[in-house]
Amino acid sequence: MIKKVDHVAIVVKNLDEGLKTYETLLGIKPSHIETVPDQGIKAATLVVGSVAIELIEPINPESGVGKFLEKRGEGVHHICFEVDDVDKQLDSLAAKGVQLIDKKGRKGLAGKIGFLHPAAAKGVLVELAQKV
């Protein structure tokens, strides 16, 4: 079951420059910065009320985020919804014929995560996250 919007991820060419931009716009500093080598990103979390903005910079140009930046430039990358159980949600969606990127949950910045293919949501990349 979907609990809430967890975050919206925005791809940036340079995380430090992105953080300066969003600090100017929103007046907030990141609550967390982390490098996630297996996803090929460096990310910062900016909390706005009960939702976060996640700025992500590719550290590997061959990663999914690196290819996204090369093809589409900076901007919104995905929306993430918090769920009770990522694996159960992915299984349920697969049973309905929804196209998935991840068949099972995996470790991610937002907890245990799984992605739906953009074709499943009218061109929007959707992430499901379970807090662990």
N, C-alpha and C. Protein backbone atom coordinates (compact mmCIF):
# COMPACT_ATOMS: atom_id res chain seq x y z
N MET A 1 0.84 -1.17 0.00
CA MET A 1 0.00 0.00 0.00
C MET A 1 0.89 1.25 0.00
N ILE A 2 0.54 2.23 -0.82
CA ILE A 2 1.26 3.49 -0.87
C ILE A 2 0.93 4.29 0.39
N LYS A 3 1.96 4.75 1.09
CA LYS A 3 1.77 5.51 2.32
C LYS A 3 1.84 7.01 2.08
N LYS A 4 2.82 7.44 1.27
CA LYS A 4 3.01 8.87 1.03
C LYS A 4 4.04 9.06 -0.06
N VAL A 5 4.15 10.30 -0.54
CA VAL A 5 5.27 10.66 -1.41
C VAL A 5 6.49 10.79 -0.51
N ASP A 6 7.54 10.05 -0.82
CA ASP A 6 8.76 10.10 -0.02
C ASP A 6 9.68 11.21 -0.51
N HIS A 7 9.96 11.20 -1.82
CA HIS A 7 10.83 12.24 -2.37
C HIS A 7 10.65 12.37 -3.87
N VAL A 8 11.14 13.49 -4.37
CA VAL A 8 11.26 13.73 -5.80
C VAL A 8 12.75 13.89 -6.06
N ALA A 9 13.28 13.13 -7.01
CA ALA A 9 14.71 13.18 -7.31
C ALA A 9 14.96 14.05 -8.54
N ILE A 10 15.98 14.89 -8.42
CA ILE A 10 16.36 15.80 -9.48
C ILE A 10 17.82 15.55 -9.82
N VAL A 11 18.08 15.29 -11.10
CA VAL A 11 19.45 15.07 -11.57
C VAL A 11 20.13 16.42 -11.76
N VAL A 12 21.35 16.53 -11.25
CA VAL A 12 22.17 17.73 -11.44
C VAL A 12 23.55 17.32 -11.97
N LYS A 13 24.16 18.21 -12.73
CA LYS A 13 25.51 17.95 -13.24
C LYS A 13 26.54 18.00 -12.12
N ASN A 14 26.32 18.93 -11.18
CA ASN A 14 27.27 19.15 -10.10
C ASN A 14 26.48 19.32 -8.80
N LEU A 15 26.68 18.42 -7.86
CA LEU A 15 25.90 18.42 -6.62
C LEU A 15 26.13 19.70 -5.82
N ASP A 16 27.37 20.16 -5.71
CA ASP A 16 27.63 21.37 -4.94
C ASP A 16 26.90 22.58 -5.52
N GLU A 17 26.92 22.71 -6.85
CA GLU A 17 26.21 23.82 -7.50
C GLU A 17 24.70 23.66 -7.32
N GLY A 18 24.21 22.43 -7.43
CA GLY A 18 22.78 22.18 -7.21
C GLY A 18 22.35 22.55 -5.81
N LEU A 19 23.19 22.20 -4.82
CA LEU A 19 22.86 22.53 -3.43
C LEU A 19 22.81 24.04 -3.22
N LYS A 20 23.73 24.77 -3.84
CA LYS A 20 23.71 26.24 -3.73
C LYS A 20 22.42 26.80 -4.33
N THR A 21 22.02 26.27 -5.48
CA THR A 21 20.80 26.73 -6.13
C THR A 21 19.58 26.49 -5.24
N TYR A 22 19.45 25.29 -4.71
CA TYR A 22 18.27 24.97 -3.90
C TYR A 22 18.31 25.63 -2.52
N GLU A 23 19.51 25.92 -2.01
CA GLU A 23 19.57 26.68 -0.75
C GLU A 23 19.08 28.10 -0.99
N THR A 24 19.44 28.67 -2.14
CA THR A 24 18.96 30.01 -2.49
C THR A 24 17.45 30.01 -2.68
N LEU A 25 16.93 29.00 -3.40
CA LEU A 25 15.49 28.93 -3.68
C LEU A 25 14.65 28.62 -2.45
N LEU A 26 15.10 27.66 -1.64
CA LEU A 26 14.28 27.16 -0.53
C LEU A 26 14.77 27.58 0.85
N GLY A 27 16.00 28.07 0.92
CA GLY A 27 16.55 28.48 2.21
C GLY A 27 16.87 27.33 3.13
N ILE A 28 17.15 26.14 2.55
CA ILE A 28 17.46 24.98 3.40
C ILE A 28 18.76 24.33 2.96
N LYS A 29 19.38 23.66 3.91
CA LYS A 29 20.62 22.93 3.67
C LYS A 29 20.29 21.43 3.68
N PRO A 30 21.16 20.63 3.09
CA PRO A 30 20.90 19.19 3.05
C PRO A 30 20.94 18.56 4.44
N SER A 31 20.05 17.60 4.65
CA SER A 31 20.05 16.87 5.91
C SER A 31 20.96 15.65 5.82
N HIS A 32 21.31 15.26 4.59
CA HIS A 32 22.10 14.05 4.39
C HIS A 32 22.76 14.11 3.02
N ILE A 33 24.03 13.73 2.96
CA ILE A 33 24.75 13.59 1.69
C ILE A 33 25.42 12.24 1.72
N GLU A 34 25.29 11.49 0.62
CA GLU A 34 25.85 10.15 0.57
C GLU A 34 26.24 9.79 -0.86
N THR A 35 27.32 9.04 -0.98
CA THR A 35 27.70 8.46 -2.27
C THR A 35 27.21 7.02 -2.28
N VAL A 36 26.54 6.64 -3.36
CA VAL A 36 26.01 5.28 -3.50
C VAL A 36 26.68 4.65 -4.73
N PRO A 37 27.85 4.02 -4.53
CA PRO A 37 28.64 3.52 -5.66
C PRO A 37 27.90 2.54 -6.58
N ASP A 38 27.09 1.62 -6.00
CA ASP A 38 26.40 0.64 -6.84
C ASP A 38 25.33 1.27 -7.73
N GLN A 39 24.87 2.48 -7.40
CA GLN A 39 23.93 3.19 -8.26
C GLN A 39 24.63 4.26 -9.10
N GLY A 40 25.93 4.46 -8.83
CA GLY A 40 26.72 5.43 -9.58
C GLY A 40 26.32 6.87 -9.33
N ILE A 41 25.94 7.18 -8.07
CA ILE A 41 25.49 8.55 -7.76
C ILE A 41 26.08 9.07 -6.47
N LYS A 42 26.08 10.39 -6.37
CA LYS A 42 26.29 11.10 -5.12
C LYS A 42 24.99 11.87 -4.92
N ALA A 43 24.40 11.79 -3.73
CA ALA A 43 23.07 12.36 -3.51
C ALA A 43 23.01 13.19 -2.24
N ALA A 44 22.14 14.19 -2.28
CA ALA A 44 21.87 15.02 -1.10
C ALA A 44 20.37 15.07 -0.90
N THR A 45 19.95 15.01 0.35
CA THR A 45 18.53 15.06 0.69
C THR A 45 18.20 16.40 1.32
N LEU A 46 17.20 17.06 0.76
CA LEU A 46 16.70 18.33 1.29
C LEU A 46 15.27 18.09 1.75
N VAL A 47 15.01 18.21 3.04
CA VAL A 47 13.69 17.92 3.58
C VAL A 47 12.84 19.19 3.55
N VAL A 48 11.66 19.05 2.96
CA VAL A 48 10.69 20.16 2.86
C VAL A 48 9.38 19.62 3.42
N GLY A 49 9.07 19.96 4.67
CA GLY A 49 7.88 19.42 5.31
C GLY A 49 8.02 17.92 5.48
N SER A 50 7.06 17.16 4.96
CA SER A 50 7.11 15.70 5.09
C SER A 50 7.63 15.02 3.82
N VAL A 51 8.10 15.82 2.86
CA VAL A 51 8.61 15.29 1.59
C VAL A 51 10.04 15.77 1.42
N ALA A 52 10.85 15.00 0.73
CA ALA A 52 12.23 15.38 0.47
C ALA A 52 12.45 15.63 -1.01
N ILE A 53 13.42 16.47 -1.26
CA ILE A 53 13.96 16.63 -2.61
C ILE A 53 15.32 15.97 -2.56
N GLU A 54 15.57 15.08 -3.49
CA GLU A 54 16.84 14.37 -3.54
C GLU A 54 17.57 14.87 -4.78
N LEU A 55 18.69 15.54 -4.58
CA LEU A 55 19.52 15.97 -5.69
C LEU A 55 20.52 14.85 -5.96
N ILE A 56 20.61 14.40 -7.20
CA ILE A 56 21.51 13.30 -7.53
C ILE A 56 22.45 13.70 -8.67
N GLU A 57 23.73 13.45 -8.42
CA GLU A 57 24.77 13.71 -9.41
C GLU A 57 25.37 12.36 -9.82
N PRO A 58 25.40 12.06 -11.10
CA PRO A 58 26.04 10.81 -11.50
C PRO A 58 27.55 10.87 -11.29
N ILE A 59 28.12 9.81 -10.72
CA ILE A 59 29.57 9.71 -10.58
C ILE A 59 30.11 8.70 -11.58
N ASN A 60 29.21 8.04 -12.27
CA ASN A 60 29.57 7.09 -13.32
C ASN A 60 28.72 7.43 -14.54
N PRO A 61 29.36 7.90 -15.63
CA PRO A 61 28.58 8.28 -16.81
C PRO A 61 27.83 7.12 -17.46
N GLU A 62 28.21 5.89 -17.14
CA GLU A 62 27.55 4.71 -17.71
C GLU A 62 26.37 4.23 -16.86
N SER A 63 26.17 4.85 -15.69
CA SER A 63 25.03 4.46 -14.83
C SER A 63 23.74 4.95 -15.46
N GLY A 64 22.62 4.46 -14.96
CA GLY A 64 21.32 4.92 -15.44
C GLY A 64 21.15 6.42 -15.30
N VAL A 65 21.60 6.97 -14.18
CA VAL A 65 21.49 8.41 -13.95
C VAL A 65 22.44 9.16 -14.89
N GLY A 66 23.63 8.61 -15.10
CA GLY A 66 24.58 9.24 -16.03
C GLY A 66 24.03 9.30 -17.44
N LYS A 67 23.42 8.21 -17.88
CA LYS A 67 22.82 8.17 -19.22
C LYS A 67 21.62 9.11 -19.31
N PHE A 68 20.84 9.19 -18.23
CA PHE A 68 19.69 10.10 -18.19
C PHE A 68 20.17 11.54 -18.37
N LEU A 69 21.20 11.93 -17.62
CA LEU A 69 21.73 13.29 -17.69
C LEU A 69 22.24 13.60 -19.09
N GLU A 70 22.96 12.66 -19.68
CA GLU A 70 23.50 12.85 -21.03
C GLU A 70 22.38 13.04 -22.05
N LYS A 71 21.32 12.25 -21.92
CA LYS A 71 20.21 12.28 -22.90
C LYS A 71 19.24 13.44 -22.67
N ARG A 72 18.90 13.70 -21.41
CA ARG A 72 17.82 14.65 -21.10
C ARG A 72 18.26 15.92 -20.39
N GLY A 73 19.47 15.93 -19.87
CA GLY A 73 19.95 17.10 -19.12
C GLY A 73 19.43 17.09 -17.70
N GLU A 74 19.69 18.18 -17.00
CA GLU A 74 19.27 18.29 -15.61
C GLU A 74 17.76 18.40 -15.51
N GLY A 75 17.21 17.89 -14.42
CA GLY A 75 15.78 18.00 -14.19
C GLY A 75 15.24 16.84 -13.38
N VAL A 76 13.93 16.75 -13.33
CA VAL A 76 13.27 15.71 -12.54
C VAL A 76 13.63 14.34 -13.11
N HIS A 77 14.07 13.45 -12.22
CA HIS A 77 14.46 12.10 -12.60
C HIS A 77 13.38 11.08 -12.23
N HIS A 78 12.90 11.13 -10.98
CA HIS A 78 11.87 10.18 -10.56
C HIS A 78 11.10 10.69 -9.36
N ILE A 79 9.98 10.04 -9.10
CA ILE A 79 9.20 10.30 -7.90
C ILE A 79 9.19 8.99 -7.10
N CYS A 80 9.32 9.13 -5.79
CA CYS A 80 9.39 7.95 -4.92
C CYS A 80 8.21 7.95 -3.95
N PHE A 81 7.58 6.79 -3.85
CA PHE A 81 6.47 6.60 -2.92
C PHE A 81 6.91 5.63 -1.83
N GLU A 82 6.60 5.96 -0.59
CA GLU A 82 6.88 5.05 0.52
C GLU A 82 5.78 3.99 0.57
N VAL A 83 6.20 2.74 0.75
CA VAL A 83 5.28 1.62 0.86
C VAL A 83 5.62 0.81 2.11
N ASP A 84 4.68 -0.03 2.53
CA ASP A 84 4.91 -0.89 3.69
C ASP A 84 5.91 -2.00 3.38
N ASP A 85 5.79 -2.60 2.18
CA ASP A 85 6.58 -3.77 1.83
C ASP A 85 6.90 -3.71 0.33
N VAL A 86 8.13 -3.37 0.00
CA VAL A 86 8.52 -3.21 -1.41
C VAL A 86 8.32 -4.50 -2.19
N ASP A 87 8.79 -5.62 -1.66
CA ASP A 87 8.69 -6.89 -2.39
C ASP A 87 7.23 -7.27 -2.66
N LYS A 88 6.39 -7.11 -1.66
CA LYS A 88 4.97 -7.42 -1.82
C LYS A 88 4.34 -6.51 -2.88
N GLN A 89 4.69 -5.22 -2.85
CA GLN A 89 4.14 -4.27 -3.83
C GLN A 89 4.62 -4.60 -5.24
N LEU A 90 5.90 -4.94 -5.39
CA LEU A 90 6.44 -5.31 -6.71
C LEU A 90 5.77 -6.59 -7.22
N ASP A 91 5.59 -7.57 -6.35
CA ASP A 91 4.91 -8.82 -6.74
C ASP A 91 3.48 -8.54 -7.20
N SER A 92 2.79 -7.70 -6.46
CA SER A 92 1.40 -7.36 -6.78
C SER A 92 1.32 -6.65 -8.14
N LEU A 93 2.23 -5.72 -8.37
CA LEU A 93 2.23 -4.99 -9.64
C LEU A 93 2.60 -5.91 -10.81
N ALA A 94 3.58 -6.79 -10.59
CA ALA A 94 3.97 -7.74 -11.64
C ALA A 94 2.79 -8.64 -12.01
N ALA A 95 2.02 -9.06 -11.01
CA ALA A 95 0.85 -9.92 -11.25
C ALA A 95 -0.21 -9.21 -12.09
N LYS A 96 -0.20 -7.86 -12.04
CA LYS A 96 -1.14 -7.07 -12.83
C LYS A 96 -0.58 -6.73 -14.21
N GLY A 97 0.64 -7.22 -14.50
CA GLY A 97 1.24 -6.97 -15.80
C GLY A 97 2.00 -5.66 -15.90
N VAL A 98 2.27 -5.02 -14.77
CA VAL A 98 3.01 -3.76 -14.77
C VAL A 98 4.47 -4.04 -15.08
N GLN A 99 5.05 -3.25 -15.98
CA GLN A 99 6.45 -3.42 -16.35
C GLN A 99 7.35 -2.87 -15.25
N LEU A 100 8.27 -3.71 -14.77
CA LEU A 100 9.15 -3.35 -13.67
C LEU A 100 10.60 -3.28 -14.12
N ILE A 101 11.39 -2.47 -13.45
CA ILE A 101 12.84 -2.52 -13.60
C ILE A 101 13.40 -3.52 -12.60
N ASP A 102 12.91 -3.45 -11.36
CA ASP A 102 13.35 -4.35 -10.30
C ASP A 102 12.24 -5.34 -9.96
N LYS A 103 12.59 -6.61 -10.01
CA LYS A 103 11.62 -7.66 -9.65
C LYS A 103 11.55 -7.84 -8.13
N LYS A 104 12.66 -7.53 -7.46
CA LYS A 104 12.75 -7.63 -6.00
C LYS A 104 13.41 -6.36 -5.47
N GLY A 105 13.12 -6.02 -4.22
CA GLY A 105 13.70 -4.84 -3.60
C GLY A 105 15.20 -4.99 -3.42
N ARG A 106 15.88 -3.84 -3.37
CA ARG A 106 17.32 -3.81 -3.17
C ARG A 106 17.66 -2.60 -2.29
N LYS A 107 18.87 -2.57 -1.78
CA LYS A 107 19.30 -1.47 -0.91
C LYS A 107 19.43 -0.19 -1.74
N GLY A 108 18.91 0.90 -1.19
CA GLY A 108 19.04 2.19 -1.85
C GLY A 108 19.11 3.30 -0.82
N LEU A 109 19.24 4.50 -1.30
CA LEU A 109 19.36 5.67 -0.43
C LEU A 109 18.12 5.84 0.46
N ALA A 110 16.93 5.49 -0.06
CA ALA A 110 15.67 5.68 0.67
C ALA A 110 15.27 4.45 1.49
N GLY A 111 16.13 3.45 1.58
CA GLY A 111 15.81 2.21 2.30
C GLY A 111 15.85 1.04 1.35
N LYS A 112 14.89 0.15 1.44
CA LYS A 112 14.75 -0.94 0.48
C LYS A 112 13.91 -0.40 -0.67
N ILE A 113 14.45 -0.47 -1.89
CA ILE A 113 13.80 0.20 -3.01
C ILE A 113 13.54 -0.74 -4.18
N GLY A 114 12.66 -0.32 -5.06
CA GLY A 114 12.39 -1.01 -6.32
C GLY A 114 11.82 -0.01 -7.30
N PHE A 115 12.24 -0.10 -8.55
CA PHE A 115 11.78 0.83 -9.58
C PHE A 115 10.80 0.18 -10.55
N LEU A 116 9.80 0.97 -10.94
CA LEU A 116 8.89 0.59 -12.02
C LEU A 116 9.44 1.20 -13.30
N HIS A 117 9.22 0.55 -14.41
CA HIS A 117 9.67 1.08 -15.69
C HIS A 117 8.85 2.33 -16.02
N PRO A 118 9.47 3.36 -16.61
CA PRO A 118 8.72 4.57 -16.96
C PRO A 118 7.49 4.30 -17.84
N ALA A 119 7.54 3.27 -18.64
CA ALA A 119 6.38 2.94 -19.49
C ALA A 119 5.16 2.57 -18.66
N ALA A 120 5.38 2.14 -17.42
CA ALA A 120 4.27 1.75 -16.55
C ALA A 120 3.50 2.95 -16.01
N ALA A 121 4.13 4.14 -16.04
CA ALA A 121 3.51 5.32 -15.43
C ALA A 121 3.56 6.52 -16.39
N LYS A 122 3.21 6.25 -17.64
CA LYS A 122 3.11 7.34 -18.63
C LYS A 122 4.40 8.15 -18.75
N GLY A 123 5.54 7.46 -18.75
CA GLY A 123 6.82 8.11 -18.96
C GLY A 123 7.52 8.59 -17.70
N VAL A 124 6.94 8.34 -16.54
CA VAL A 124 7.54 8.78 -15.28
C VAL A 124 8.21 7.59 -14.60
N LEU A 125 9.47 7.75 -14.23
CA LEU A 125 10.17 6.73 -13.48
C LEU A 125 9.66 6.78 -12.04
N VAL A 126 9.17 5.65 -11.53
CA VAL A 126 8.60 5.58 -10.19
C VAL A 126 9.45 4.65 -9.35
N GLU A 127 9.80 5.13 -8.16
CA GLU A 127 10.54 4.34 -7.18
C GLU A 127 9.59 4.04 -6.02
N LEU A 128 9.66 2.83 -5.51
CA LEU A 128 8.96 2.45 -4.29
C LEU A 128 10.03 2.26 -3.22
N ALA A 129 9.78 2.75 -2.01
CA ALA A 129 10.77 2.64 -0.93
C ALA A 129 10.11 2.18 0.35
N GLN A 130 10.80 1.29 1.01
CA GLN A 130 10.37 0.77 2.31
C GLN A 130 11.42 1.19 3.32
N LYS A 131 11.02 1.92 4.34
CA LYS A 131 11.97 2.33 5.38
C LYS A 131 12.41 1.09 6.16
N VAL A 132 13.70 0.95 6.34
CA VAL A 132 14.23 -0.21 7.07
C VAL A 132 15.02 0.22 8.27
